[in-house]
Amino acid sequence: MKEEWKINKELYEGIGDEYVETPLDESKSTLAERKAKALAHPLPLVGDVSEIAPDTYDRVVCMLTFNKASGALLGAAAQQGGGRVELDPKLFEYKTVNIDLNQEMWSGDYSTGSVIPRTTAPITIDEYEVDAWCHNRIQRTYKYYDQLNVIRKTLMALVTKTGLTASDDSIVTDLNDLDEFITKMLENNNKYKAEYAASPAFNYLTKDEFDKQEAAQRAGALDSMLPSLKTVNVTHKWASTTE
């Protein structure tokens, strides 16, 4: 069973409902309300942590596919009728297991891995995902055109006014407000990463660790057959602007 893990609310700036992820309603809220809500929501996936193990498992015959060069797991598929469809044996290795794909998972590589209950495994979350969540919150609170307008108007004011301060032009207050919000969001984001890294309920991957994991999955001749990593986009459920 996972150890109980609770959010340290005192670490975070902002106020909001009990740190439960809810939609940011851009059309029916003020900027101040959106800022407060964005700053008050730490840690994506916290609600997915569960300590309840199922009473029974519905296991099926499943074929696991591994990168032959590194042993990294690439995927799992239930076998229809017990059949076995393999790809190029020069690139992949295979292992057949009995597993409940909803309640269990393969943990580890080809040589050392085993089937374990999902309730006992930490949830994998990577630094790219946490950064993208932070970016999404900033962008949804201050649209790009709002950010650029503040900067543009400030620069225009600076062109005509030397030594501009808030007492000279009120747009400086908007610029300071934008900078303060983004600074607080970035500070919160660093705290999110530290909490994920310290929690036994999560398997937090830094960008370097995520890149190494992805490289292991693509190792050997398989890498030259796949699109360059520079063209692969990291997507996650927090990217949507309609959540």
Protein backbone atom coordinates (compact mmCIF):
# COMPACT_ATOMS: atom_id res chain seq x y z
CA MET A 1 0.00 0.00 0.00
CA LYS A 2 1.14 3.54 -0.65
CA GLU A 3 1.89 5.76 2.30
CA GLU A 4 -0.68 8.46 2.92
CA TRP A 5 0.39 11.64 1.19
CA LYS A 6 -1.16 15.04 1.77
CA ILE A 7 -0.59 18.40 0.12
CA ASN A 8 1.26 20.94 2.21
CA LYS A 9 -1.07 23.86 1.48
CA GLU A 10 1.11 26.32 3.39
CA LEU A 11 3.70 26.16 0.60
CA TYR A 12 1.49 27.81 -1.97
CA GLU A 13 0.52 31.36 -2.75
CA GLY A 14 -3.09 32.21 -3.57
CA ILE A 15 -6.51 31.29 -2.27
CA GLY A 16 -9.20 29.02 -3.68
CA ASP A 17 -11.49 26.07 -3.06
CA GLU A 18 -9.98 23.11 -1.22
CA TYR A 19 -7.20 22.67 -3.79
CA VAL A 20 -9.52 20.66 -6.04
CA GLU A 21 -8.90 21.10 -9.75
CA THR A 22 -11.86 22.95 -11.28
CA PRO A 23 -12.28 24.78 -14.61
CA LEU A 24 -10.91 28.29 -14.92
CA ASP A 25 -13.96 30.11 -16.25
CA GLU A 26 -12.36 32.85 -18.32
CA SER A 27 -15.69 34.38 -19.37
CA LYS A 28 -17.36 34.79 -15.98
CA SER A 29 -14.50 35.70 -13.66
CA THR A 30 -12.27 38.66 -13.04
CA LEU A 31 -8.52 38.64 -13.56
CA ALA A 32 -8.00 38.74 -9.80
CA GLU A 33 -10.25 35.67 -9.36
CA ARG A 34 -8.45 33.72 -12.09
CA LYS A 35 -5.06 34.58 -10.62
CA ALA A 36 -6.11 33.45 -7.14
CA LYS A 37 -7.52 30.17 -8.44
CA ALA A 38 -4.49 29.40 -10.64
CA LEU A 39 -2.08 30.03 -7.78
CA ALA A 40 -4.17 27.99 -5.35
CA HIS A 41 -4.10 24.78 -7.41
CA PRO A 42 -0.88 22.84 -6.90
CA LEU A 43 -0.04 19.28 -7.96
CA PRO A 44 -1.80 17.65 -10.93
CA LEU A 45 -2.68 13.95 -10.53
CA VAL A 46 -2.94 14.14 -6.72
CA GLY A 47 -6.55 12.98 -7.00
CA ASP A 48 -5.39 9.88 -8.89
CA VAL A 49 -3.44 8.52 -5.91
CA SER A 50 -5.34 5.59 -4.45
CA GLU A 51 -4.60 3.17 -1.64
CA ILE A 52 -7.52 0.82 -2.30
CA ALA A 53 -6.51 -2.54 -3.80
CA PRO A 54 -9.10 -4.54 -5.78
CA ASP A 55 -10.55 -7.72 -4.29
CA THR A 56 -10.25 -9.66 -7.55
CA TYR A 57 -8.32 -9.42 -10.81
CA ASP A 58 -9.62 -10.08 -14.32
CA ARG A 59 -6.41 -11.37 -15.90
CA VAL A 60 -5.95 -12.09 -19.59
CA VAL A 61 -3.07 -13.40 -21.68
CA CYS A 62 -1.05 -10.39 -22.75
CA MET A 63 2.06 -9.94 -24.87
CA LEU A 64 4.58 -7.35 -23.76
CA THR A 65 6.89 -5.71 -26.31
CA PHE A 66 10.38 -4.56 -25.32
CA ASN A 67 13.21 -2.72 -27.09
CA LYS A 68 15.75 -5.47 -27.75
CA ALA A 69 18.75 -3.16 -27.43
CA SER A 70 17.84 -1.73 -24.02
CA GLY A 71 15.14 -4.00 -22.60
CA ALA A 72 12.80 -1.02 -22.08
CA LEU A 73 9.07 -1.76 -22.15
CA LEU A 74 7.34 -0.32 -25.21
CA GLY A 75 3.77 -1.61 -24.92
CA ALA A 76 1.31 -4.29 -23.91
CA ALA A 77 -1.55 -5.87 -25.82
CA ALA A 78 -4.08 -8.54 -24.96
CA GLN A 79 -3.83 -11.54 -27.27
CA GLN A 80 -7.03 -12.35 -29.12
CA GLY A 81 -7.56 -16.11 -29.08
CA GLY A 82 -4.14 -16.63 -27.57
CA GLY A 83 -2.38 -15.67 -30.81
CA ARG A 84 1.09 -14.14 -30.94
CA VAL A 85 1.87 -11.46 -33.51
CA GLU A 86 5.48 -10.30 -33.38
CA LEU A 87 7.30 -7.49 -35.15
CA ASP A 88 10.94 -7.51 -36.27
CA PRO A 89 12.82 -9.81 -33.82
CA LYS A 90 16.00 -7.82 -34.51
CA LEU A 91 14.43 -4.77 -32.89
CA PHE A 92 12.04 -6.21 -30.29
CA GLU A 93 11.78 -8.88 -27.61
CA TYR A 94 8.54 -10.30 -26.27
CA LYS A 95 7.19 -11.76 -23.09
CA THR A 96 3.78 -13.36 -22.51
CA VAL A 97 2.15 -12.80 -19.11
CA ASN A 98 -1.21 -13.13 -17.40
CA ILE A 99 -2.22 -9.63 -16.32
CA ASP A 100 -5.24 -7.45 -15.54
CA LEU A 101 -4.40 -4.42 -17.70
CA ASN A 102 -6.76 -2.20 -15.67
CA GLN A 103 -5.55 -3.20 -12.20
CA GLU A 104 -1.98 -4.35 -12.81
CA MET A 105 1.10 -3.20 -14.70
CA TRP A 106 4.57 -4.36 -15.73
CA SER A 107 7.26 -2.70 -13.63
CA GLY A 108 10.84 -2.81 -14.88
CA ASP A 109 12.59 -3.96 -18.03
CA TYR A 110 12.67 -7.25 -19.95
CA SER A 111 15.14 -8.98 -17.62
CA THR A 112 14.23 -7.67 -14.18
CA GLY A 113 10.58 -6.61 -14.44
CA SER A 114 7.46 -8.24 -13.03
CA VAL A 115 3.69 -7.79 -12.83
CA ILE A 116 2.61 -5.64 -9.87
CA PRO A 117 -0.72 -4.14 -8.70
CA ARG A 118 -1.21 -0.55 -9.85
CA THR A 119 -2.25 0.40 -6.30
CA THR A 120 1.26 -0.39 -5.03
CA ALA A 121 3.08 1.43 -7.84
CA PRO A 122 3.92 5.15 -7.75
CA ILE A 123 2.29 7.29 -10.42
CA THR A 124 4.84 8.38 -13.01
CA ILE A 125 4.88 12.11 -13.68
CA ASP A 126 7.66 13.95 -15.48
CA GLU A 127 9.09 17.45 -15.35
CA TYR A 128 7.81 18.27 -18.85
CA GLU A 129 4.26 17.62 -17.64
CA VAL A 130 4.63 19.79 -14.54
CA ASP A 131 6.19 22.64 -16.56
CA ALA A 132 3.45 22.39 -19.18
CA TRP A 133 0.80 22.56 -16.44
CA CYS A 134 2.42 25.74 -15.11
CA HIS A 135 2.66 27.22 -18.61
CA ASN A 136 -0.99 26.42 -19.25
CA ARG A 137 -2.08 28.14 -16.03
CA ILE A 138 -0.08 31.27 -16.86
CA GLN A 139 -1.40 31.40 -20.42
CA ARG A 140 -5.02 30.85 -19.36
CA THR A 141 -4.79 33.61 -16.76
CA TYR A 142 -2.85 36.06 -18.90
CA LYS A 143 -3.48 35.36 -22.60
CA TYR A 144 -0.47 35.86 -24.85
CA TYR A 145 -1.98 38.96 -26.38
CA ASP A 146 -2.61 40.38 -22.90
CA GLN A 147 1.03 39.80 -21.95
CA LEU A 148 2.28 41.32 -25.18
CA ASN A 149 -0.06 44.30 -24.88
CA VAL A 150 1.25 45.09 -21.42
CA ILE A 151 4.85 44.88 -22.67
CA ARG A 152 4.06 46.87 -25.84
CA LYS A 153 2.28 49.66 -24.00
CA THR A 154 5.03 49.82 -21.41
CA LEU A 155 7.71 50.08 -24.07
CA MET A 156 5.73 52.76 -25.88
CA ALA A 157 5.46 54.70 -22.65
CA LEU A 158 9.18 54.29 -22.00
CA VAL A 159 9.97 55.72 -25.41
CA THR A 160 8.29 58.98 -24.49
CA LYS A 161 9.08 59.10 -20.82
CA THR A 162 12.52 58.80 -19.29
CA GLY A 163 12.75 57.13 -15.91
CA LEU A 164 9.15 55.95 -16.07
CA THR A 165 7.53 54.84 -12.77
CA ALA A 166 4.04 53.84 -11.74
CA SER A 167 3.37 57.42 -10.77
CA ASP A 168 4.23 58.46 -14.34
CA ASP A 169 2.06 55.90 -16.12
CA SER A 170 -0.40 53.34 -14.72
CA ILE A 171 0.68 50.69 -17.26
CA VAL A 172 3.80 50.11 -15.13
CA THR A 173 1.47 48.78 -12.42
CA ASP A 174 0.07 46.24 -14.93
CA LEU A 175 3.58 45.16 -15.90
CA ASN A 176 4.56 44.73 -12.26
CA ASP A 177 1.37 42.75 -11.62
CA LEU A 178 2.09 40.42 -14.55
CA ASP A 179 5.68 39.90 -13.43
CA GLU A 180 4.62 39.19 -9.84
CA PHE A 181 2.05 36.59 -10.93
CA ILE A 182 4.47 34.73 -13.22
CA THR A 183 7.18 34.83 -10.56
CA LYS A 184 4.82 33.28 -7.99
CA MET A 185 3.67 30.61 -10.46
CA LEU A 186 7.29 29.65 -11.19
CA GLU A 187 8.05 29.52 -7.46
CA ASN A 188 5.03 27.27 -6.95
CA ASN A 189 6.15 25.09 -9.86
CA ASN A 190 9.53 24.46 -8.21
CA LYS A 191 7.68 23.47 -5.03
CA TYR A 192 5.47 21.07 -7.03
CA LYS A 193 8.58 19.35 -8.39
CA ALA A 194 10.13 19.05 -4.93
CA GLU A 195 6.95 17.53 -3.48
CA TYR A 196 6.61 15.03 -6.34
CA ALA A 197 10.27 14.05 -5.96
CA ALA A 198 9.92 13.56 -2.19
CA SER A 199 6.62 11.66 -2.25
CA PRO A 200 6.51 7.84 -2.24
CA ALA A 201 3.18 8.09 -4.07
CA PHE A 202 4.83 9.41 -7.24
CA ASN A 203 7.65 8.33 -9.52
CA TYR A 204 8.81 11.81 -10.54
CA LEU A 205 11.04 12.03 -13.61
CA THR A 206 13.18 15.08 -14.29
CA LYS A 207 13.56 16.14 -17.92
CA ASP A 208 16.92 14.33 -18.08
CA GLU A 209 15.39 11.16 -16.64
CA PHE A 210 12.41 11.37 -18.99
CA ASP A 211 14.77 11.85 -21.97
CA LYS A 212 16.86 8.84 -20.89
CA GLN A 213 13.73 6.69 -20.57
CA GLU A 214 12.58 7.75 -24.02
CA ALA A 215 16.06 7.13 -25.45
CA ALA A 216 16.04 3.62 -23.96
CA GLN A 217 12.74 2.89 -25.67
CA ARG A 218 14.22 4.03 -28.99
CA ALA A 219 17.67 2.45 -28.56
CA GLY A 220 19.48 0.57 -31.29
CA ALA A 221 18.32 0.32 -34.89
CA LEU A 222 14.79 1.30 -33.87
CA ASP A 223 15.84 4.93 -33.33
CA SER A 224 16.69 5.51 -37.00
CA MET A 225 13.24 4.23 -38.01
CA LEU A 226 11.32 6.70 -35.84
CA PRO A 227 10.75 10.47 -36.21
CA SER A 228 13.39 12.68 -34.63
CA LEU A 229 12.74 13.44 -30.97
CA LYS A 230 12.92 17.12 -31.88
CA THR A 231 9.62 16.71 -33.74
CA VAL A 232 7.81 14.80 -30.99
CA ASN A 233 5.38 16.89 -28.95
CA VAL A 234 4.80 16.10 -25.28
CA THR A 235 1.05 16.16 -24.62
CA HIS A 236 -0.90 15.72 -21.43
CA LYS A 237 -4.37 16.23 -20.08
CA TRP A 238 -3.55 19.64 -18.60
CA ALA A 239 -2.87 21.18 -22.00
CA SER A 240 -6.54 21.60 -22.86
CA THR A 241 -7.98 25.09 -22.59
CA THR A 242 -11.48 23.62 -22.23
CA GLU A 243 -10.94 21.61 -19.04
